[in-house]
Amino acid sequence: MENGKWTSKNIPDLTGKVIVVTGGNSGLGFESVKVFAQKGAEVILASRSMENGEKAKSEIGETKGKIVVMQLDLSSFESIKKFADDFKGKYTKIDVLLNNAGIMMTPYFTTKDGLEAQNGINHLGHFALTGQLFDLIRNTQNSRIVNVSSLAHKQGKMNFDNLLFENGKDYSPTKSYGRSKLSNLLFTYELQRRMETAGVDTLAISAHPGVSDTNLARYLEKKFLFKILKVLLNAFFQSAEMGALPQIRACVDVGVKGGEFYGPGGFREMKGYPVKVESNEASHNLADAKKLWELSEKITGVTFLSDF
C-alpha cells in the first residue's frame, strides 16, 4: 500500500472473475462496477431499470473486462427469482456477490410483496438473492459475499414484534433505515458463522462508505433543512469514488477475512481511505442474528444454511 493507504492501485488483476453488483447503475455501485471491469472482471451490473443500467455501461465505456446488464428489482421476490434463474442459466460460478443496492430515509411505502420498503429492499431482498445464488457461490473457490451497511447501523434497533413497521406503525425514515443497516451486519456475521460451521470457505464481509456524495439521499434533497446542512457538512463528504473503496477492498483484497467490516479511516469513519473498522455491540447480538435469519427465511421463502 502506498503510504499505508489502500487505493485502486492495490486491486489485483481480476481477469476471469465473475462479480455481481446490485444497484450497479449509480453511486457506489457504479464506481464498483467501473473499477472491477477496468481490472478485467466480467461484471454483472444488476439494475432495476435496464435503461439506466445500459446508460451506466455506456458511460463507463470500453474496459479490460466485460459489463453485462441484467434486470433485478429487489422490491420483488418474483424479480429476484427470475434474476437468479437467468443468471444460473448463463454462469457456473460467482466469485463475488456485492449486495450494494439500497434506498435511504424514504417515506413509508411497501415493496411489491407488501413489505416496508427500506427493510424489504436493503435486507430482505438481498437475503433472498444471496440464498438463491448460494449454491453457485459456495462452489466457487475463494468466493465472497459483501453486504453494504452504513454508519446509521449505530442508530438501528431491532423489534421482532414489529420488524417491518406493519401499516406504518411506529415508522420513521431514520428508524427504518437504521434497522435495515443493522440487519445487514447481523446477516453478514450470522452468514459467516453458519458457513464456517458448514465447512464452506466463502467469506462474508461488510463495508460502509462513510458520508459519501451519492444519489442515495434523493428523498431528503428537497427538504430545506437538508439543503442547509449539506452546505455546512460538505467538508465531511467524500466522493462516491472514495466512498466505494471500502466495499471494493472487501471484495478483492487478499488480506480480508470473513466477518470483517471495512470503512473509511478518517475522523469518525466519515471519510478517508478504507481500513478495517468495528461495528457496534448490537450488531454482534447472537440471539438477534439467529432470530433475524429465521424470520428472513420465513418472510422470503428462501432457505439456506438452515441447520445451524
Protein backbone atom coordinates (compact mmCIF):
# COMPACT_ATOMS: atom_id res chain seq x y z
CA MET A 1 0.00 0.00 0.00
CA GLU A 2 1.20 3.48 -0.87
CA ASN A 3 1.92 5.38 2.37
CA GLY A 4 -0.27 2.86 4.18
CA LYS A 5 -3.32 3.88 2.12
CA TRP A 6 -5.32 1.25 0.25
CA THR A 7 -6.33 2.61 -3.15
CA SER A 8 -7.49 1.27 -6.51
CA LYS A 9 -3.80 0.69 -7.29
CA ASN A 10 -3.89 -2.17 -4.77
CA ILE A 11 -6.59 -4.05 -6.65
CA PRO A 12 -5.21 -7.24 -8.21
CA ASP A 13 -5.87 -8.31 -11.78
CA LEU A 14 -9.43 -9.65 -11.89
CA THR A 15 -9.35 -11.39 -15.26
CA GLY A 16 -11.56 -14.48 -15.17
CA LYS A 17 -13.56 -13.31 -12.15
CA VAL A 18 -17.34 -13.07 -12.25
CA ILE A 19 -18.70 -10.31 -9.99
CA VAL A 20 -22.35 -9.41 -9.39
CA VAL A 21 -23.10 -5.85 -8.24
CA THR A 22 -26.64 -4.93 -7.23
CA GLY A 23 -27.58 -1.31 -7.84
CA GLY A 24 -24.68 -1.03 -10.26
CA ASN A 25 -26.12 1.80 -12.34
CA SER A 26 -25.37 4.68 -9.93
CA GLY A 27 -23.40 5.86 -6.90
CA LEU A 28 -21.21 3.38 -5.07
CA GLY A 29 -22.37 0.52 -7.27
CA PHE A 30 -21.45 2.37 -10.46
CA GLU A 31 -17.96 3.13 -9.13
CA SER A 32 -17.51 -0.51 -8.10
CA VAL A 33 -18.63 -1.86 -11.48
CA LYS A 34 -16.27 0.52 -13.26
CA VAL A 35 -13.22 -0.47 -11.22
CA PHE A 36 -13.89 -4.21 -11.41
CA ALA A 37 -14.35 -4.09 -15.18
CA GLN A 38 -11.24 -1.96 -15.63
CA LYS A 39 -9.30 -4.64 -13.74
CA GLY A 40 -10.53 -7.37 -16.09
CA ALA A 41 -13.56 -8.91 -14.38
CA GLU A 42 -16.81 -9.87 -16.03
CA VAL A 43 -19.24 -7.72 -14.05
CA ILE A 44 -22.97 -8.25 -13.91
CA LEU A 45 -24.47 -4.81 -13.45
CA ALA A 46 -27.80 -5.59 -11.80
CA SER A 47 -30.24 -2.72 -12.15
CA ARG A 48 -33.96 -2.24 -11.55
CA SER A 49 -34.09 -0.33 -14.84
CA MET A 50 -32.47 -1.87 -17.89
CA GLU A 51 -32.39 1.58 -19.50
CA ASN A 52 -30.43 3.04 -16.57
CA GLY A 53 -28.17 0.01 -16.49
CA GLU A 54 -27.31 0.31 -20.18
CA LYS A 55 -26.75 4.04 -19.77
CA ALA A 56 -24.29 3.37 -16.93
CA LYS A 57 -22.49 0.76 -19.02
CA SER A 58 -22.21 3.26 -21.86
CA GLU A 59 -20.82 5.92 -19.50
CA ILE A 60 -18.11 3.55 -18.30
CA GLY A 61 -17.15 2.74 -21.88
CA GLU A 62 -14.52 0.26 -23.01
CA THR A 63 -12.74 -1.71 -20.29
CA LYS A 64 -10.29 -4.58 -19.97
CA GLY A 65 -13.15 -6.76 -18.74
CA LYS A 66 -16.81 -7.02 -19.62
CA ILE A 67 -20.03 -5.50 -18.28
CA VAL A 68 -23.31 -7.38 -18.63
CA VAL A 69 -26.53 -5.57 -17.66
CA MET A 70 -29.27 -7.69 -16.06
CA GLN A 71 -32.63 -6.60 -14.68
CA LEU A 72 -33.15 -7.01 -10.93
CA ASP A 73 -35.85 -5.42 -8.80
CA LEU A 74 -35.03 -6.10 -5.15
CA SER A 75 -38.53 -5.00 -4.13
CA SER A 76 -39.98 -8.08 -5.83
CA PHE A 77 -39.29 -11.69 -4.84
CA GLU A 78 -40.51 -12.73 -8.29
CA SER A 79 -37.91 -10.49 -9.95
CA ILE A 80 -35.18 -11.79 -7.62
CA LYS A 81 -36.00 -15.40 -8.51
CA LYS A 82 -36.07 -14.59 -12.23
CA PHE A 83 -32.68 -12.88 -11.97
CA ALA A 84 -31.20 -15.87 -10.10
CA ASP A 85 -32.67 -18.36 -12.60
CA ASP A 86 -31.46 -16.34 -15.59
CA PHE A 87 -28.03 -15.96 -14.04
CA LYS A 88 -27.69 -19.68 -13.33
CA GLY A 89 -28.68 -20.35 -16.93
CA LYS A 90 -25.68 -18.35 -18.16
CA TYR A 91 -22.97 -18.72 -15.48
CA THR A 92 -21.46 -21.56 -13.49
CA LYS A 93 -19.74 -19.50 -10.78
CA ILE A 94 -19.78 -16.28 -8.77
CA ASP A 95 -16.52 -15.00 -7.36
CA VAL A 96 -18.07 -12.00 -5.62
CA LEU A 97 -21.65 -11.04 -4.82
CA LEU A 98 -21.68 -7.37 -3.84
CA ASN A 99 -25.03 -6.57 -2.22
CA ASN A 100 -24.76 -2.83 -2.74
CA ALA A 101 -28.22 -1.58 -3.74
CA GLY A 102 -30.36 0.26 -1.26
CA ILE A 103 -32.77 3.07 -0.50
CA MET A 104 -32.39 5.62 2.28
CA MET A 105 -34.66 7.71 4.53
CA THR A 106 -37.77 7.21 2.41
CA PRO A 107 -41.35 7.99 3.36
CA TYR A 108 -43.30 4.86 4.30
CA PHE A 109 -44.19 2.67 1.34
CA THR A 110 -44.21 -1.05 0.64
CA THR A 111 -42.49 -3.39 -1.80
CA LYS A 112 -44.36 -5.33 -4.47
CA ASP A 113 -44.74 -8.08 -1.85
CA GLY A 114 -46.27 -5.70 0.71
CA LEU A 115 -43.20 -5.29 2.94
CA GLU A 116 -41.94 -2.00 4.39
CA ALA A 117 -39.58 -0.86 1.67
CA GLN A 118 -36.30 0.07 3.37
CA ASN A 119 -36.04 -3.22 5.25
CA GLY A 120 -37.70 -5.09 2.40
CA ILE A 121 -35.12 -3.96 -0.14
CA ASN A 122 -31.98 -3.26 1.89
CA HIS A 123 -32.06 -6.52 3.87
CA LEU A 124 -34.75 -8.98 2.78
CA GLY A 125 -34.21 -8.51 -0.96
CA HIS A 126 -30.51 -9.18 -0.58
CA PHE A 127 -31.13 -12.10 1.79
CA ALA A 128 -33.37 -13.72 -0.84
CA LEU A 129 -30.87 -13.03 -3.63
CA THR A 130 -27.95 -14.43 -1.63
CA GLY A 131 -29.89 -17.57 -0.77
CA GLN A 132 -30.94 -18.22 -4.36
CA LEU A 133 -27.38 -17.79 -5.64
CA PHE A 134 -25.72 -19.51 -2.68
CA ASP A 135 -25.03 -22.92 -4.24
CA LEU A 136 -23.18 -21.23 -7.10
CA ILE A 137 -21.23 -19.05 -4.67
CA ARG A 138 -20.24 -21.84 -2.29
CA ASN A 139 -18.97 -23.96 -5.19
CA THR A 140 -16.69 -21.14 -6.40
CA GLN A 141 -13.23 -21.26 -4.85
CA ASN A 142 -12.30 -18.20 -2.72
CA SER A 143 -15.69 -16.58 -3.28
CA ARG A 144 -17.06 -13.67 -1.25
CA ILE A 145 -20.39 -12.15 -0.25
CA VAL A 146 -20.14 -8.46 0.65
CA ASN A 147 -23.03 -6.59 2.25
CA VAL A 148 -23.01 -2.79 2.30
CA SER A 149 -24.07 -1.33 5.65
CA SER A 150 -23.82 2.23 6.99
CA LEU A 151 -22.77 4.32 9.97
CA ALA A 152 -26.54 4.52 10.55
CA HIS A 153 -26.44 0.94 11.90
CA LYS A 154 -25.48 2.55 15.23
CA GLN A 155 -28.95 4.11 15.46
CA GLY A 156 -30.69 0.87 14.48
CA LYS A 157 -32.82 -1.10 16.93
CA MET A 158 -34.35 -4.49 16.29
CA ASN A 159 -38.00 -5.06 17.18
CA PHE A 160 -39.09 -8.54 16.19
CA ASP A 161 -42.68 -7.88 17.26
CA ASN A 162 -42.93 -5.23 14.53
CA LEU A 163 -39.87 -5.80 12.35
CA LEU A 164 -41.44 -4.31 9.22
CA PHE A 165 -43.45 -1.43 10.70
CA GLU A 166 -46.79 -3.03 9.80
CA ASN A 167 -49.18 -0.49 8.26
CA GLY A 168 -46.68 2.24 9.11
CA LYS A 169 -46.91 1.66 12.87
CA ASP A 170 -44.03 3.41 14.71
CA TYR A 171 -42.41 4.18 11.34
CA SER A 172 -39.89 6.92 10.78
CA PRO A 173 -37.47 7.13 7.84
CA THR A 174 -34.41 7.21 10.13
CA LYS A 175 -35.63 4.42 12.43
CA SER A 176 -36.35 2.14 9.47
CA TYR A 177 -33.09 2.90 7.69
CA GLY A 178 -31.04 2.31 10.85
CA ARG A 179 -32.75 -1.05 11.39
CA SER A 180 -32.11 -2.12 7.79
CA LYS A 181 -28.40 -1.27 8.08
CA LEU A 182 -28.11 -3.06 11.44
CA SER A 183 -29.80 -6.04 9.78
CA ASN A 184 -27.13 -6.00 7.04
CA LEU A 185 -24.47 -6.54 9.71
CA LEU A 186 -26.42 -9.12 11.73
CA PHE A 187 -26.93 -11.03 8.47
CA THR A 188 -23.25 -10.80 7.49
CA TYR A 189 -21.93 -12.08 10.81
CA GLU A 190 -24.53 -14.86 11.07
CA LEU A 191 -23.81 -15.89 7.47
CA GLN A 192 -20.09 -16.13 8.26
CA ARG A 193 -20.76 -18.24 11.38
CA ARG A 194 -23.06 -20.61 9.53
CA MET A 195 -20.64 -21.02 6.62
CA GLU A 196 -17.79 -21.81 9.00
CA THR A 197 -19.93 -24.40 10.79
CA ALA A 198 -20.89 -25.96 7.44
CA GLY A 199 -17.30 -26.02 6.21
CA VAL A 200 -17.95 -23.51 3.42
CA ASP A 201 -14.83 -21.47 2.63
CA THR A 202 -16.74 -18.48 1.20
CA LEU A 203 -16.16 -15.21 3.08
CA ALA A 204 -18.96 -12.93 4.31
CA ILE A 205 -17.77 -9.36 4.78
CA SER A 206 -19.43 -5.99 5.31
CA ALA A 207 -18.44 -2.44 4.43
CA HIS A 208 -19.73 1.09 4.74
CA PRO A 209 -18.95 4.20 2.67
CA GLY A 210 -18.77 6.82 5.41
CA VAL A 211 -20.51 10.01 4.34
CA SER A 212 -20.45 9.88 0.56
CA ASP A 213 -21.93 12.17 -2.06
CA THR A 214 -24.31 9.84 -3.92
CA ASN A 215 -27.95 9.98 -5.00
CA LEU A 216 -28.98 7.76 -2.09
CA ALA A 217 -30.24 10.79 -0.17
CA ARG A 218 -32.51 11.92 -3.02
CA TYR A 219 -35.58 11.65 -0.77
CA LEU A 220 -34.04 14.26 1.55
CA GLU A 221 -32.70 16.71 -1.00
CA LYS A 222 -35.97 18.62 -1.40
CA LYS A 223 -36.10 19.38 2.31
CA PHE A 224 -34.93 22.91 3.10
CA LEU A 225 -33.09 21.88 6.29
CA PHE A 226 -31.17 19.18 4.42
CA LYS A 227 -30.01 21.73 1.83
CA ILE A 228 -28.60 23.94 4.59
CA LEU A 229 -26.97 21.05 6.42
CA LYS A 230 -25.39 19.71 3.24
CA VAL A 231 -23.65 23.04 2.67
CA LEU A 232 -22.38 23.04 6.26
CA LEU A 233 -21.32 19.40 6.16
CA ASN A 234 -19.66 19.42 2.74
CA ALA A 235 -16.27 19.27 4.45
CA PHE A 236 -17.19 15.84 5.78
CA PHE A 237 -18.48 14.41 2.48
CA GLN A 238 -16.30 12.39 0.18
CA SER A 239 -16.82 11.44 -3.45
CA ALA A 240 -18.67 8.29 -4.49
CA GLU A 241 -15.36 7.09 -5.91
CA MET A 242 -13.75 7.29 -2.45
CA GLY A 243 -16.88 6.03 -0.72
CA ALA A 244 -16.82 2.87 -2.84
CA LEU A 245 -13.28 1.92 -1.81
CA PRO A 246 -14.25 0.10 1.44
CA GLN A 247 -16.64 -2.22 -0.37
CA ILE A 248 -14.19 -2.69 -3.23
CA ARG A 249 -11.47 -3.61 -0.73
CA ALA A 250 -13.84 -6.06 0.97
CA CYS A 251 -14.47 -7.66 -2.43
CA VAL A 252 -10.91 -8.10 -3.68
CA ASP A 253 -8.17 -7.50 -1.08
CA VAL A 254 -6.39 -10.83 -0.48
CA GLY A 255 -5.81 -9.93 3.18
CA VAL A 256 -9.50 -9.64 4.05
CA LYS A 257 -11.01 -12.23 6.42
CA GLY A 258 -14.57 -13.41 6.88
CA GLY A 259 -16.68 -11.44 9.35
CA GLU A 260 -14.63 -8.26 8.96
CA PHE A 261 -16.07 -4.77 8.47
CA TYR A 262 -14.44 -2.08 6.33
CA GLY A 263 -14.99 1.68 6.27
CA PRO A 264 -13.15 4.98 5.87
CA GLY A 265 -10.21 5.51 8.21
CA GLY A 266 -10.70 9.23 8.82
CA PHE A 267 -12.48 11.21 11.54
CA ARG A 268 -15.41 9.18 12.90
CA GLU A 269 -15.18 6.99 9.79
CA MET A 270 -16.88 9.68 7.73
CA LYS A 271 -14.23 9.87 5.01
CA GLY A 272 -10.79 8.58 4.16
CA TYR A 273 -9.08 5.51 2.77
CA PRO A 274 -10.56 2.09 3.65
CA VAL A 275 -9.47 0.29 6.81
CA LYS A 276 -10.85 -2.45 9.00
CA VAL A 277 -13.37 -0.92 11.44
CA GLU A 278 -15.64 -2.14 14.22
CA SER A 279 -19.44 -2.19 14.28
CA ASN A 280 -21.45 -1.65 17.44
CA GLU A 281 -22.35 -4.17 20.12
CA ALA A 282 -25.91 -4.65 18.85
CA SER A 283 -24.61 -5.94 15.52
CA HIS A 284 -22.90 -8.83 17.33
CA ASN A 285 -26.01 -9.96 19.25
CA LEU A 286 -26.15 -13.70 18.55
CA ALA A 287 -29.80 -14.12 19.54
CA ASP A 288 -30.90 -11.24 17.30
CA ALA A 289 -28.86 -12.58 14.39
CA LYS A 290 -30.42 -16.05 14.68
CA LYS A 291 -33.92 -14.62 15.04
CA LEU A 292 -33.44 -12.31 12.06
CA TRP A 293 -32.19 -15.22 9.93
CA GLU A 294 -35.19 -17.38 10.83
CA LEU A 295 -37.66 -14.55 10.17
CA SER A 296 -35.94 -13.68 6.90
CA GLU A 297 -36.33 -17.27 5.70
CA LYS A 298 -39.99 -17.25 6.69
CA ILE A 299 -40.76 -13.92 5.02
CA THR A 300 -38.81 -14.54 1.80
CA GLY A 301 -39.49 -18.26 1.47
CA VAL A 302 -35.78 -18.73 0.74
CA THR A 303 -33.90 -21.17 2.97
CA PHE A 304 -30.19 -21.94 3.05
CA LEU A 305 -27.68 -22.95 5.75
CA SER A 306 -30.72 -23.65 7.91
CA ASP A 307 -29.46 -26.49 10.11
CA PHE A 308 -27.33 -24.40 12.47
